[in-house]
Structure formats: structure tokens, C-alpha cells
Amino acid sequence: MVFGSLPLLILLVLGIGLWLDGARARELASGLAPQLCAREGVQFLDGSAALESWSLSRTPRGVRIRRSFSFSYFSEEQGRRQGYITLVGAQITAFELQGQTTLEG
């Protein structure tokens, strides 16, 4: 009986770990977006970033989760626009302001 519930327990722990990692990544993206927007001279709007997509990515350090987040910003010249941050693990790999990539790694 105990061994029958072990796989379920493992799946539950993995699911909780994935959820916590996702929450940490969203917090990171929501904290980095205003800093990167300020550097580019635009105003970060709405106070957070939203998860757009995720996938697995092979890196020199092994397989990591690649997450793309979207956020809104305001530009004097163009008005309200959409920006994107891509994280692989906890590292920024891309920062894009409405079609203009300003950081890619």
C-alpha cells in the first residue's frame, strides 16, 4: 500500500517544485523588467510580467526551463507597447521592446 502511493507523492513533490520555480521566475522577470525599461528610457506599466510560454532548453549546465514573459511599457513616441523577457533558469537570455531586441545572450 505504501509503495503504491510513492509515485503519486513523487509527482506531487515535482509539481510543487515546478510551481515554486515558476513563481520565482515570474518574480525575477517582474523585478528585472522595470530596470531594463528604465535603462532603455521607457516606462514599465502594470507592475508585473505575465508568462507567455515555456519550454525545455539544453545549456552547458544541463537542461533548463526557458520561460518567456510579456509586459507592457509606455514610450513617448509610440504609446503603450508590449515587451518580452526570456529567462533560461534564472538567467536573462533576451529582452525585447516591441520588435527591437536590446539584449540577447
PDB file of N, CA and C in Angstrom:
ATOM      1  N   MET A   1       0.823  -1.192   0.000  1.00  0.00           N
ATOM      2  CA  MET A   1       0.000   0.000   0.000  1.00  0.00           C
ATOM      3  C   MET A   1       0.867   1.255   0.000  1.00  0.00           C
ATOM      4  N   VAL A   2       1.947   1.247   0.790  1.00  0.00           N
ATOM      5  CA  VAL A   2       2.832   2.399   0.866  1.00  0.00           C
ATOM      6  C   VAL A   2       3.519   2.629  -0.472  1.00  0.00           C
ATOM      7  N   PHE A   3       3.965   1.556  -1.133  1.00  0.00           N
ATOM      8  CA  PHE A   3       4.679   1.697  -2.399  1.00  0.00           C
ATOM      9  C   PHE A   3       3.760   2.154  -3.517  1.00  0.00           C
ATOM     10  N   GLY A   4       2.465   1.892  -3.420  1.00  0.00           N
ATOM     11  CA  GLY A   4       1.509   2.331  -4.425  1.00  0.00           C
ATOM     12  C   GLY A   4       1.332   3.841  -4.424  1.00  0.00           C
ATOM     13  N   SER A   5       1.489   4.466  -3.282  1.00  0.00           N
ATOM     14  CA  SER A   5       1.306   5.918  -3.221  1.00  0.00           C
ATOM     15  C   SER A   5       2.628   6.667  -3.400  1.00  0.00           C
ATOM     16  N   LEU A   6       3.747   5.973  -3.465  1.00  0.00           N
ATOM     17  CA  LEU A   6       5.043   6.619  -3.657  1.00  0.00           C
ATOM     18  C   LEU A   6       5.137   7.369  -4.987  1.00  0.00           C
ATOM     19  N   PRO A   7       4.732   6.771  -6.126  1.00  0.00           N
ATOM     20  CA  PRO A   7       4.785   7.531  -7.377  1.00  0.00           C
ATOM     21  C   PRO A   7       3.904   8.789  -7.344  1.00  0.00           C
ATOM     22  N   LEU A   8       2.755   8.686  -6.708  1.00  0.00           N
ATOM     23  CA  LEU A   8       1.877   9.846  -6.589  1.00  0.00           C
ATOM     24  C   LEU A   8       2.539  10.943  -5.751  1.00  0.00           C
ATOM     25  N   LEU A   9       3.193  10.558  -4.680  1.00  0.00           N
ATOM     26  CA  LEU A   9       3.898  11.506  -3.828  1.00  0.00           C
ATOM     27  C   LEU A   9       5.045  12.174  -4.586  1.00  0.00           C
ATOM     28  N   ILE A  10       5.766  11.395  -5.362  1.00  0.00           N
ATOM     29  CA  ILE A  10       6.870  11.943  -6.164  1.00  0.00           C
ATOM     30  C   ILE A  10       6.335  12.954  -7.175  1.00  0.00           C
ATOM     31  N   LEU A  11       5.242  12.614  -7.857  1.00  0.00           N
ATOM     32  CA  LEU A  11       4.637  13.547  -8.818  1.00  0.00           C
ATOM     33  C   LEU A  11       4.157  14.821  -8.133  1.00  0.00           C
ATOM     34  N   LEU A  12       3.600  14.696  -6.960  1.00  0.00           N
ATOM     35  CA  LEU A  12       3.132  15.855  -6.207  1.00  0.00           C
ATOM     36  C   LEU A  12       4.295  16.767  -5.835  1.00  0.00           C
ATOM     37  N   VAL A  13       5.384  16.180  -5.348  1.00  0.00           N
ATOM     38  CA  VAL A  13       6.570  16.968  -4.977  1.00  0.00           C
ATOM     39  C   VAL A  13       7.168  17.649  -6.206  1.00  0.00           C
ATOM     40  N   LEU A  14       7.254  16.940  -7.325  1.00  0.00           N
ATOM     41  CA  LEU A  14       7.775  17.538  -8.560  1.00  0.00           C
ATOM     42  C   LEU A  14       6.875  18.673  -9.045  1.00  0.00           C
ATOM     43  N   GLY A  15       5.575  18.483  -8.968  1.00  0.00           N
ATOM     44  CA  GLY A  15       4.629  19.521  -9.371  1.00  0.00           C
ATOM     45  C   GLY A  15       4.755  20.770  -8.516  1.00  0.00           C
ATOM     46  N   ILE A  16       4.872  20.595  -7.212  1.00  0.00           N
ATOM     47  CA  ILE A  16       5.038  21.734  -6.306  1.00  0.00           C
ATOM     48  C   ILE A  16       6.367  22.436  -6.589  1.00  0.00           C
ATOM     49  N   GLY A  17       7.418  21.669  -6.819  1.00  0.00           N
ATOM     50  CA  GLY A  17       8.726  22.255  -7.139  1.00  0.00           C
ATOM     51  C   GLY A  17       8.681  23.063  -8.425  1.00  0.00           C
ATOM     52  N   LEU A  18       8.005  22.540  -9.446  1.00  0.00           N
ATOM     53  CA  LEU A  18       7.875  23.249 -10.717  1.00  0.00           C
ATOM     54  C   LEU A  18       7.065  24.529 -10.536  1.00  0.00           C
ATOM     55  N   TRP A  19       5.999  24.464  -9.761  1.00  0.00           N
ATOM     56  CA  TRP A  19       5.172  25.644  -9.499  1.00  0.00           C
ATOM     57  C   TRP A  19       5.975  26.720  -8.751  1.00  0.00           C
ATOM     58  N   LEU A  20       6.732  26.322  -7.724  1.00  0.00           N
ATOM     59  CA  LEU A  20       7.544  27.281  -6.965  1.00  0.00           C
ATOM     60  C   LEU A  20       8.636  27.901  -7.838  1.00  0.00           C
ATOM     61  N   ASP A  21       9.249  27.098  -8.689  1.00  0.00           N
ATOM     62  CA  ASP A  21      10.272  27.604  -9.593  1.00  0.00           C
ATOM     63  C   ASP A  21       9.671  28.606 -10.579  1.00  0.00           C
ATOM     64  N   GLY A  22       8.462  28.322 -11.050  1.00  0.00           N
ATOM     65  CA  GLY A  22       7.774  29.241 -11.956  1.00  0.00           C
ATOM     66  C   GLY A  22       7.433  30.559 -11.276  1.00  0.00           C
ATOM     67  N   ALA A  23       7.006  30.486 -10.022  1.00  0.00           N
ATOM     68  CA  ALA A  23       6.681  31.699  -9.262  1.00  0.00           C
ATOM     69  C   ALA A  23       7.934  32.541  -9.048  1.00  0.00           C
ATOM     70  N   ARG A  24       9.052  31.888  -8.775  1.00  0.00           N
ATOM     71  CA  ARG A  24      10.323  32.600  -8.591  1.00  0.00           C
ATOM     72  C   ARG A  24      10.761  33.257  -9.900  1.00  0.00           C
ATOM     73  N   ALA A  25      10.593  32.562 -11.015  1.00  0.00           N
ATOM     74  CA  ALA A  25      10.970  33.123 -12.318  1.00  0.00           C
ATOM     75  C   ALA A  25      10.089  34.325 -12.664  1.00  0.00           C
ATOM     76  N   ARG A  26       8.798  34.251 -12.358  1.00  0.00           N
ATOM     77  CA  ARG A  26       7.898  35.383 -12.631  1.00  0.00           C
ATOM     78  C   ARG A  26       8.276  36.595 -11.778  1.00  0.00           C
ATOM     79  N   GLU A  27       8.627  36.342 -10.531  1.00  0.00           N
ATOM     80  CA  GLU A  27       9.085  37.417  -9.646  1.00  0.00           C
ATOM     81  C   GLU A  27      10.354  38.059 -10.203  1.00  0.00           C
ATOM     82  N   LEU A  28      11.257  37.232 -10.661  1.00  0.00           N
ATOM     83  CA  LEU A  28      12.511  37.730 -11.233  1.00  0.00           C
ATOM     84  C   LEU A  28      12.240  38.579 -12.471  1.00  0.00           C
ATOM     85  N   ALA A  29      11.395  38.079 -13.373  1.00  0.00           N
ATOM     86  CA  ALA A  29      11.067  38.826 -14.588  1.00  0.00           C
ATOM     87  C   ALA A  29      10.361  40.138 -14.248  1.00  0.00           C
ATOM     88  N   SER A  30       9.458  40.100 -13.274  1.00  0.00           N
ATOM     89  CA  SER A  30       8.733  41.306 -12.865  1.00  0.00           C
ATOM     90  C   SER A  30       9.655  42.319 -12.193  1.00  0.00           C
ATOM     91  N   GLY A  31      10.742  41.859 -11.594  1.00  0.00           N
ATOM     92  CA  GLY A  31      11.718  42.758 -10.984  1.00  0.00           C
ATOM     93  C   GLY A  31      12.725  43.306 -11.984  1.00  0.00           C
ATOM     94  N   LEU A  32      13.059  42.508 -12.993  1.00  0.00           N
ATOM     95  CA  LEU A  32      14.045  42.939 -13.992  1.00  0.00           C
ATOM     96  C   LEU A  32      13.442  43.855 -15.050  1.00  0.00           C
ATOM     97  N   ALA A  33      12.189  43.641 -15.411  1.00  0.00           N
ATOM     98  CA  ALA A  33      11.562  44.427 -16.477  1.00  0.00           C
ATOM     99  C   ALA A  33      11.612  45.931 -16.200  1.00  0.00           C
ATOM    100  N   PRO A  34      11.259  46.417 -14.974  1.00  0.00           N
ATOM    101  CA  PRO A  34      11.336  47.867 -14.757  1.00  0.00           C
ATOM    102  C   PRO A  34      12.760  48.414 -14.874  1.00  0.00           C
ATOM    103  N   GLN A  35      13.740  47.635 -14.427  1.00  0.00           N
ATOM    104  CA  GLN A  35      15.134  48.078 -14.513  1.00  0.00           C
ATOM    105  C   GLN A  35      15.581  48.188 -15.971  1.00  0.00           C
ATOM    106  N   LEU A  36      15.237  47.183 -16.766  1.00  0.00           N
ATOM    107  CA  LEU A  36      15.631  47.192 -18.170  1.00  0.00           C
ATOM    108  C   LEU A  36      14.880  48.272 -18.944  1.00  0.00           C
ATOM    109  N   CYS A  37      13.601  48.492 -18.598  1.00  0.00           N
ATOM    110  CA  CYS A  37      12.834  49.570 -19.245  1.00  0.00           C
ATOM    111  C   CYS A  37      13.449  50.930 -18.928  1.00  0.00           C
ATOM    112  N   ALA A  38      13.825  51.145 -17.667  1.00  0.00           N
ATOM    113  CA  ALA A  38      14.437  52.418 -17.271  1.00  0.00           C
ATOM    114  C   ALA A  38      15.737  52.645 -18.045  1.00  0.00           C
ATOM    115  N   ARG A  39      16.505  51.589 -18.214  1.00  0.00           N
ATOM    116  CA  ARG A  39      17.752  51.683 -18.974  1.00  0.00           C
ATOM    117  C   ARG A  39      17.503  52.088 -20.423  1.00  0.00           C
ATOM    118  N   GLU A  40      16.358  51.652 -20.973  1.00  0.00           N
ATOM    119  CA  GLU A  40      16.024  51.964 -22.362  1.00  0.00           C
ATOM    120  C   GLU A  40      15.233  53.270 -22.504  1.00  0.00           C
ATOM    121  N   GLY A  41      14.914  53.914 -21.371  1.00  0.00           N
ATOM    122  CA  GLY A  41      14.218  55.200 -21.412  1.00  0.00           C
ATOM    123  C   GLY A  41      12.718  55.102 -21.639  1.00  0.00           C
ATOM    124  N   VAL A  42      12.115  53.959 -21.275  1.00  0.00           N
ATOM    125  CA  VAL A  42      10.665  53.796 -21.388  1.00  0.00           C
ATOM    126  C   VAL A  42      10.097  53.488 -20.013  1.00  0.00           C
ATOM    127  N   GLN A  43       8.789  53.657 -19.854  1.00  0.00           N
ATOM    128  CA  GLN A  43       8.147  53.459 -18.553  1.00  0.00           C
ATOM    129  C   GLN A  43       7.482  52.085 -18.483  1.00  0.00           C
ATOM    130  N   PHE A  44       7.867  51.297 -17.494  1.00  0.00           N
ATOM    131  CA  PHE A  44       7.267  49.987 -17.235  1.00  0.00           C
ATOM    132  C   PHE A  44       5.858  50.194 -16.696  1.00  0.00           C
ATOM    133  N   LEU A  45       4.876  49.462 -17.225  1.00  0.00           N
ATOM    134  CA  LEU A  45       3.485  49.607 -16.805  1.00  0.00           C
ATOM    135  C   LEU A  45       2.967  48.333 -16.130  1.00  0.00           C
ATOM    136  N   ASP A  46       1.936  48.456 -15.343  1.00  0.00           N
ATOM    137  CA  ASP A  46       1.166  47.361 -14.752  1.00  0.00           C
ATOM    138  C   ASP A  46       1.870  46.598 -13.633  1.00  0.00           C
ATOM    139  N   GLY A  47       3.142  46.832 -13.410  1.00  0.00           N
ATOM    140  CA  GLY A  47       3.836  46.276 -12.255  1.00  0.00           C
ATOM    141  C   GLY A  47       4.184  44.808 -12.269  1.00  0.00           C
ATOM    142  N   SER A  48       3.906  44.080 -13.352  1.00  0.00           N
ATOM    143  CA  SER A  48       4.291  42.672 -13.369  1.00  0.00           C
ATOM    144  C   SER A  48       4.445  42.163 -14.798  1.00  0.00           C
ATOM    145  N   ALA A  49       5.034  40.996 -14.891  1.00  0.00           N
ATOM    146  CA  ALA A  49       5.215  40.317 -16.172  1.00  0.00           C
ATOM    147  C   ALA A  49       4.356  39.056 -16.165  1.00  0.00           C
ATOM    148  N   ALA A  50       3.841  38.678 -17.327  1.00  0.00           N
ATOM    149  CA  ALA A  50       2.974  37.502 -17.449  1.00  0.00           C
ATOM    150  C   ALA A  50       3.673  36.424 -18.272  1.00  0.00           C
ATOM    151  N   LEU A  51       3.547  35.190 -17.831  1.00  0.00           N
ATOM    152  CA  LEU A  51       4.146  34.070 -18.559  1.00  0.00           C
ATOM    153  C   LEU A  51       3.445  33.893 -19.902  1.00  0.00           C
ATOM    154  N   GLU A  52       4.215  33.883 -20.968  1.00  0.00           N
ATOM    155  CA  GLU A  52       3.681  33.681 -22.316  1.00  0.00           C
ATOM    156  C   GLU A  52       3.873  32.238 -22.771  1.00  0.00           C
ATOM    157  N   SER A  53       5.068  31.699 -22.515  1.00  0.00           N
ATOM    158  CA  SER A  53       5.352  30.329 -22.940  1.00  0.00           C
ATOM    159  C   SER A  53       6.527  29.778 -22.143  1.00  0.00           C
ATOM    160  N   TRP A  54       6.649  28.444 -22.175  1.00  0.00           N
ATOM    161  CA  TRP A  54       7.805  27.811 -21.561  1.00  0.00           C
ATOM    162  C   TRP A  54       8.149  26.560 -22.350  1.00  0.00           C
ATOM    163  N   SER A  55       9.420  26.207 -22.305  1.00  0.00           N
ATOM    164  CA  SER A  55       9.918  25.006 -22.979  1.00  0.00           C
ATOM    165  C   SER A  55      11.208  24.582 -22.296  1.00  0.00           C
ATOM    166  N   LEU A  56      11.699  23.436 -22.681  1.00  0.00           N
ATOM    167  CA  LEU A  56      12.983  22.965 -22.151  1.00  0.00           C
ATOM    168  C   LEU A  56      14.093  23.414 -23.092  1.00  0.00           C
ATOM    169  N   SER A  57      15.234  23.749 -22.523  1.00  0.00           N
ATOM    170  CA  SER A  57      16.367  24.238 -23.296  1.00  0.00           C
ATOM    171  C   SER A  57      17.649  23.563 -22.803  1.00  0.00           C
ATOM    172  N   ARG A  58      18.441  23.084 -23.726  1.00  0.00           N
ATOM    173  CA  ARG A  58      19.721  22.459 -23.374  1.00  0.00           C
ATOM    174  C   ARG A  58      20.774  23.552 -23.232  1.00  0.00           C
ATOM    175  N   THR A  59      21.471  23.550 -22.111  1.00  0.00           N
ATOM    176  CA  THR A  59      22.530  24.522 -21.842  1.00  0.00           C
ATOM    177  C   THR A  59      23.797  23.758 -21.459  1.00  0.00           C
ATOM    178  N   PRO A  60      24.939  24.444 -21.379  1.00  0.00           N
ATOM    179  CA  PRO A  60      26.162  23.763 -20.925  1.00  0.00           C
ATOM    180  C   PRO A  60      26.017  23.187 -19.505  1.00  0.00           C
ATOM    181  N   ARG A  61      25.096  23.754 -18.714  1.00  0.00           N
ATOM    182  CA  ARG A  61      24.880  23.268 -17.349  1.00  0.00           C
ATOM    183  C   ARG A  61      23.779  22.228 -17.264  1.00  0.00           C
ATOM    184  N   GLY A  62      23.296  21.757 -18.395  1.00  0.00           N
ATOM    185  CA  GLY A  62      22.240  20.749 -18.413  1.00  0.00           C
ATOM    186  C   GLY A  62      20.945  21.309 -18.979  1.00  0.00           C
ATOM    187  N   VAL A  63      19.873  20.581 -18.804  1.00  0.00           N
ATOM    188  CA  VAL A  63      18.566  21.004 -19.306  1.00  0.00           C
ATOM    189  C   VAL A  63      17.957  21.998 -18.323  1.00  0.00           C
ATOM    190  N   ARG A  64      17.492  23.129 -18.852  1.00  0.00           N
ATOM    191  CA  ARG A  64      16.861  24.174 -18.046  1.00  0.00           C
ATOM    192  C   ARG A  64      15.507  24.521 -18.653  1.00  0.00           C
ATOM    193  N   ILE A  65      14.679  25.182 -17.876  1.00  0.00           N
ATOM    194  CA  ILE A  65      13.392  25.637 -18.381  1.00  0.00           C
ATOM    195  C   ILE A  65      13.557  27.044 -18.946  1.00  0.00           C
ATOM    196  N   ARG A  66      13.133  27.213 -20.198  1.00  0.00           N
ATOM    197  CA  ARG A  66      13.140  28.524 -20.860  1.00  0.00           C
ATOM    198  C   ARG A  66      11.722  29.087 -20.727  1.00  0.00           C
ATOM    199  N   ARG A  67      11.619  30.283 -20.135  1.00  0.00           N
ATOM    200  CA  ARG A  67      10.321  30.929 -19.951  1.00  0.00           C
ATOM    201  C   ARG A  67      10.342  32.299 -20.613  1.00  0.00           C
ATOM    202  N   SER A  68       9.296  32.598 -21.363  1.00  0.00           N
ATOM    203  CA  SER A  68       9.134  33.913 -21.978  1.00  0.00           C
ATOM    204  C   SER A  68       7.999  34.636 -21.273  1.00  0.00           C
ATOM    205  N   PHE A  69       8.271  35.859 -20.848  1.00  0.00           N
ATOM    206  CA  PHE A  69       7.301  36.690 -20.146  1.00  0.00           C
ATOM    207  C   PHE A  69       7.022  37.932 -20.975  1.00  0.00           C
ATOM    208  N   SER A  70       5.783  38.397 -20.936  1.00  0.00           N
ATOM    209  CA  SER A  70       5.433  39.650 -21.597  1.00  0.00           C
ATOM    210  C   SER A  70       5.103  40.694 -20.542  1.00  0.00           C
ATOM    211  N   PHE A  71       5.264  41.948 -20.922  1.00  0.00           N
ATOM    212  CA  PHE A  71       4.938  43.060 -20.029  1.00  0.00           C
ATOM    213  C   PHE A  71       4.588  44.264 -20.901  1.00  0.00           C
ATOM    214  N   SER A  72       3.931  45.234 -20.301  1.00  0.00           N
ATOM    215  CA  SER A  72       3.570  46.458 -21.019  1.00  0.00           C
ATOM    216  C   SER A  72       4.504  47.589 -20.608  1.00  0.00           C
ATOM    217  N   TYR A  73       4.788  48.456 -21.566  1.00  0.00           N
ATOM    218  CA  TYR A  73       5.589  49.640 -21.269  1.00  0.00           C
ATOM    219  C   TYR A  73       5.042  50.807 -22.085  1.00  0.00           C
ATOM    220  N   PHE A  74       5.443  52.009 -21.715  1.00  0.00           N
ATOM    221  CA  PHE A  74       4.992  53.210 -22.408  1.00  0.00           C
ATOM    222  C   PHE A  74       6.193  53.944 -22.967  1.00  0.00           C
ATOM    223  N   SER A  75       6.089  54.291 -24.241  1.00  0.00           N
ATOM    224  CA  SER A  75       7.121  55.066 -24.929  1.00  0.00           C
ATOM    225  C   SER A  75       6.483  56.372 -25.381  1.00  0.00           C
ATOM    226  N   GLU A  76       7.155  57.495 -25.147  1.00  0.00           N
ATOM    227  CA  GLU A  76       6.634  58.806 -25.558  1.00  0.00           C
ATOM    228  C   GLU A  76       6.325  58.837 -27.056  1.00  0.00           C
ATOM    229  N   GLU A  77       7.164  58.214 -27.855  1.00  0.00           N
ATOM    230  CA  GLU A  77       6.992  58.241 -29.305  1.00  0.00           C
ATOM    231  C   GLU A  77       5.915  57.289 -29.801  1.00  0.00           C
ATOM    232  N   GLN A  78       5.761  56.133 -29.134  1.00  0.00           N
ATOM    233  CA  GLN A  78       4.894  55.091 -29.676  1.00  0.00           C
ATOM    234  C   GLN A  78       3.692  54.739 -28.800  1.00  0.00           C
ATOM    235  N   GLY A  79       3.595  55.283 -27.599  1.00  0.00           N
ATOM    236  CA  GLY A  79       2.478  54.957 -26.713  1.00  0.00           C
ATOM    237  C   GLY A  79       2.686  53.627 -26.002  1.00  0.00           C
ATOM    238  N   ARG A  80       1.590  52.975 -25.675  1.00  0.00           N
ATOM    239  CA  ARG A  80       1.649  51.694 -24.952  1.00  0.00           C
ATOM    240  C   ARG A  80       2.092  50.585 -25.904  1.00  0.00           C
ATOM    241  N   ARG A  81       3.075  49.818 -25.476  1.00  0.00           N
ATOM    242  CA  ARG A  81       3.648  48.757 -26.304  1.00  0.00           C
ATOM    243  C   ARG A  81       3.858  47.499 -25.460  1.00  0.00           C
ATOM    244  N   GLN A  82       4.227  46.419 -26.125  1.00  0.00           N
ATOM    245  CA  GLN A  82       4.459  45.137 -25.474  1.00  0.00           C
ATOM    246  C   GLN A  82       5.951  44.812 -25.515  1.00  0.00           C
ATOM    247  N   GLY A  83       6.482  44.334 -24.386  1.00  0.00           N
ATOM    248  CA  GLY A  83       7.870  43.910 -24.318  1.00  0.00           C
ATOM    249  C   GLY A  83       7.947  42.467 -23.857  1.00  0.00           C
ATOM    250  N   TYR A  84       9.117  41.878 -23.991  1.00  0.00           N
ATOM    251  CA  TYR A  84       9.310  40.471 -23.636  1.00  0.00           C
ATOM    252  C   TYR A  84      10.655  40.272 -22.953  1.00  0.00           C
ATOM    253  N   ILE A  85      10.653  39.374 -21.981  1.00  0.00           N
ATOM    254  CA  ILE A  85      11.883  38.922 -21.319  1.00  0.00           C
ATOM    255  C   ILE A  85      11.903  37.404 -21.426  1.00  0.00           C
ATOM    256  N   THR A  86      13.047  36.860 -21.808  1.00  0.00           N
ATOM    257  CA  THR A  86      13.203  35.406 -21.834  1.00  0.00           C
ATOM    258  C   THR A  86      14.260  35.027 -20.808  1.00  0.00           C
ATOM    259  N   LEU A  87      13.894  34.081 -19.954  1.00  0.00           N
ATOM    260  CA  LEU A  87      14.806  33.556 -18.937  1.00  0.00           C
ATOM    261  C   LEU A  87      15.058  32.088 -19.216  1.00  0.00           C
ATOM    262  N   VAL A  88      16.292  31.675 -19.081  1.00  0.00           N
ATOM    263  CA  VAL A  88      16.631  30.254 -19.067  1.00  0.00           C
ATOM    264  C   VAL A  88      17.169  29.997 -17.678  1.00  0.00           C
ATOM    265  N   GLY A  89      16.401  29.253 -16.897  1.00  0.00           N
ATOM    266  CA  GLY A  89      16.704  29.143 -15.477  1.00  0.00           C
ATOM    267  C   GLY A  89      16.491  30.510 -14.863  1.00  0.00           C
ATOM    268  N   ALA A  90      17.518  31.060 -14.245  1.00  0.00           N
ATOM    269  CA  ALA A  90      17.428  32.397 -13.638  1.00  0.00           C
ATOM    270  C   ALA A  90      18.240  33.424 -14.420  1.00  0.00           C
ATOM    271  N   GLN A  91      18.634  33.090 -15.650  1.00  0.00           N
ATOM    272  CA  GLN A  91      19.470  33.980 -16.452  1.00  0.00           C
ATOM    273  C   GLN A  91      18.672  34.587 -17.598  1.00  0.00           C
ATOM    274  N   ILE A  92      18.800  35.906 -17.776  1.00  0.00           N
ATOM    275  CA  ILE A  92      18.147  36.580 -18.901  1.00  0.00           C
ATOM    276  C   ILE A  92      18.874  36.197 -20.176  1.00  0.00           C
ATOM    277  N   THR A  93      18.122  35.737 -21.172  1.00  0.00           N
ATOM    278  CA  THR A  93      18.735  35.426 -22.463  1.00  0.00           C
ATOM    279  C   THR A  93      18.262  36.382 -23.546  1.00  0.00           C
ATOM    280  N   ALA A  94      17.125  37.061 -23.324  1.00  0.00           N
ATOM    281  CA  ALA A  94      16.652  38.043 -24.309  1.00  0.00           C
ATOM    282  C   ALA A  94      15.754  39.061 -23.630  1.00  0.00           C
ATOM    283  N   PHE A  95      15.821  40.296 -24.130  1.00  0.00           N
ATOM    284  CA  PHE A  95      14.958  41.387 -23.696  1.00  0.00           C
ATOM    285  C   PHE A  95      14.562  42.128 -24.955  1.00  0.00           C
ATOM    286  N   GLU A  96      13.268  42.220 -25.208  1.00  0.00           N
ATOM    287  CA  GLU A  96      12.798  42.797 -26.456  1.00  0.00           C
ATOM    288  C   GLU A  96      11.716  43.839 -26.185  1.00  0.00           C
ATOM    289  N   LEU A  97      11.847  44.975 -26.841  1.00  0.00           N
ATOM    290  CA  LEU A  97      10.827  46.020 -26.777  1.00  0.00           C
ATOM    291  C   LEU A  97      10.169  46.111 -28.151  1.00  0.00           C
ATOM    292  N   GLN A  98       8.946  45.631 -28.264  1.00  0.00           N
ATOM    293  CA  GLN A  98       8.120  45.685 -29.480  1.00  0.00           C
ATOM    294  C   GLN A  98       8.930  45.519 -30.758  1.00  0.00           C
ATOM    295  N   GLY A  99       9.532  44.338 -30.924  1.00  0.00           N
ATOM    296  CA  GLY A  99      10.248  44.025 -32.148  1.00  0.00           C
ATOM    297  C   GLY A  99      11.704  44.464 -32.183  1.00  0.00           C
ATOM    298  N   GLN A 100      12.149  45.204 -31.168  1.00  0.00           N
ATOM    299  CA  GLN A 100      13.537  45.658 -31.123  1.00  0.00           C
ATOM    300  C   GLN A 100      14.256  44.929 -29.997  1.00  0.00           C
ATOM    301  N   THR A 101      15.113  43.980 -30.347  1.00  0.00           N
ATOM    302  CA  THR A 101      15.852  43.240 -29.345  1.00  0.00           C
ATOM    303  C   THR A 101      16.969  44.114 -28.808  1.00  0.00           C
ATOM    304  N   THR A 102      16.987  44.298 -27.479  1.00  0.00           N
ATOM    305  CA  THR A 102      18.013  45.144 -26.883  1.00  0.00           C
ATOM    306  C   THR A 102      19.050  44.332 -26.125  1.00  0.00           C
ATOM    307  N   LEU A 103      18.764  43.068 -25.895  1.00  0.00           N
ATOM    308  CA  LEU A 103      19.710  42.199 -25.194  1.00  0.00           C
ATOM    309  C   LEU A 103      19.460  40.787 -25.659  1.00  0.00           C
ATOM    310  N   GLU A 104      20.474  40.093 -26.069  1.00  0.00           N
ATOM    311  CA  GLU A 104      20.313  38.687 -26.418  1.00  0.00           C
ATOM    312  C   GLU A 104      21.587  37.975 -26.030  1.00  0.00           C
ATOM    313  N   GLY A 105      21.402  36.842 -25.359  1.00  0.00           N
ATOM    314  CA  GLY A 105      22.585  36.124 -24.909  1.00  0.00           C
ATOM    315  C   GLY A 105      22.415  34.663 -24.961  1.00  0.00           C
TER     316      GLY A 105
END
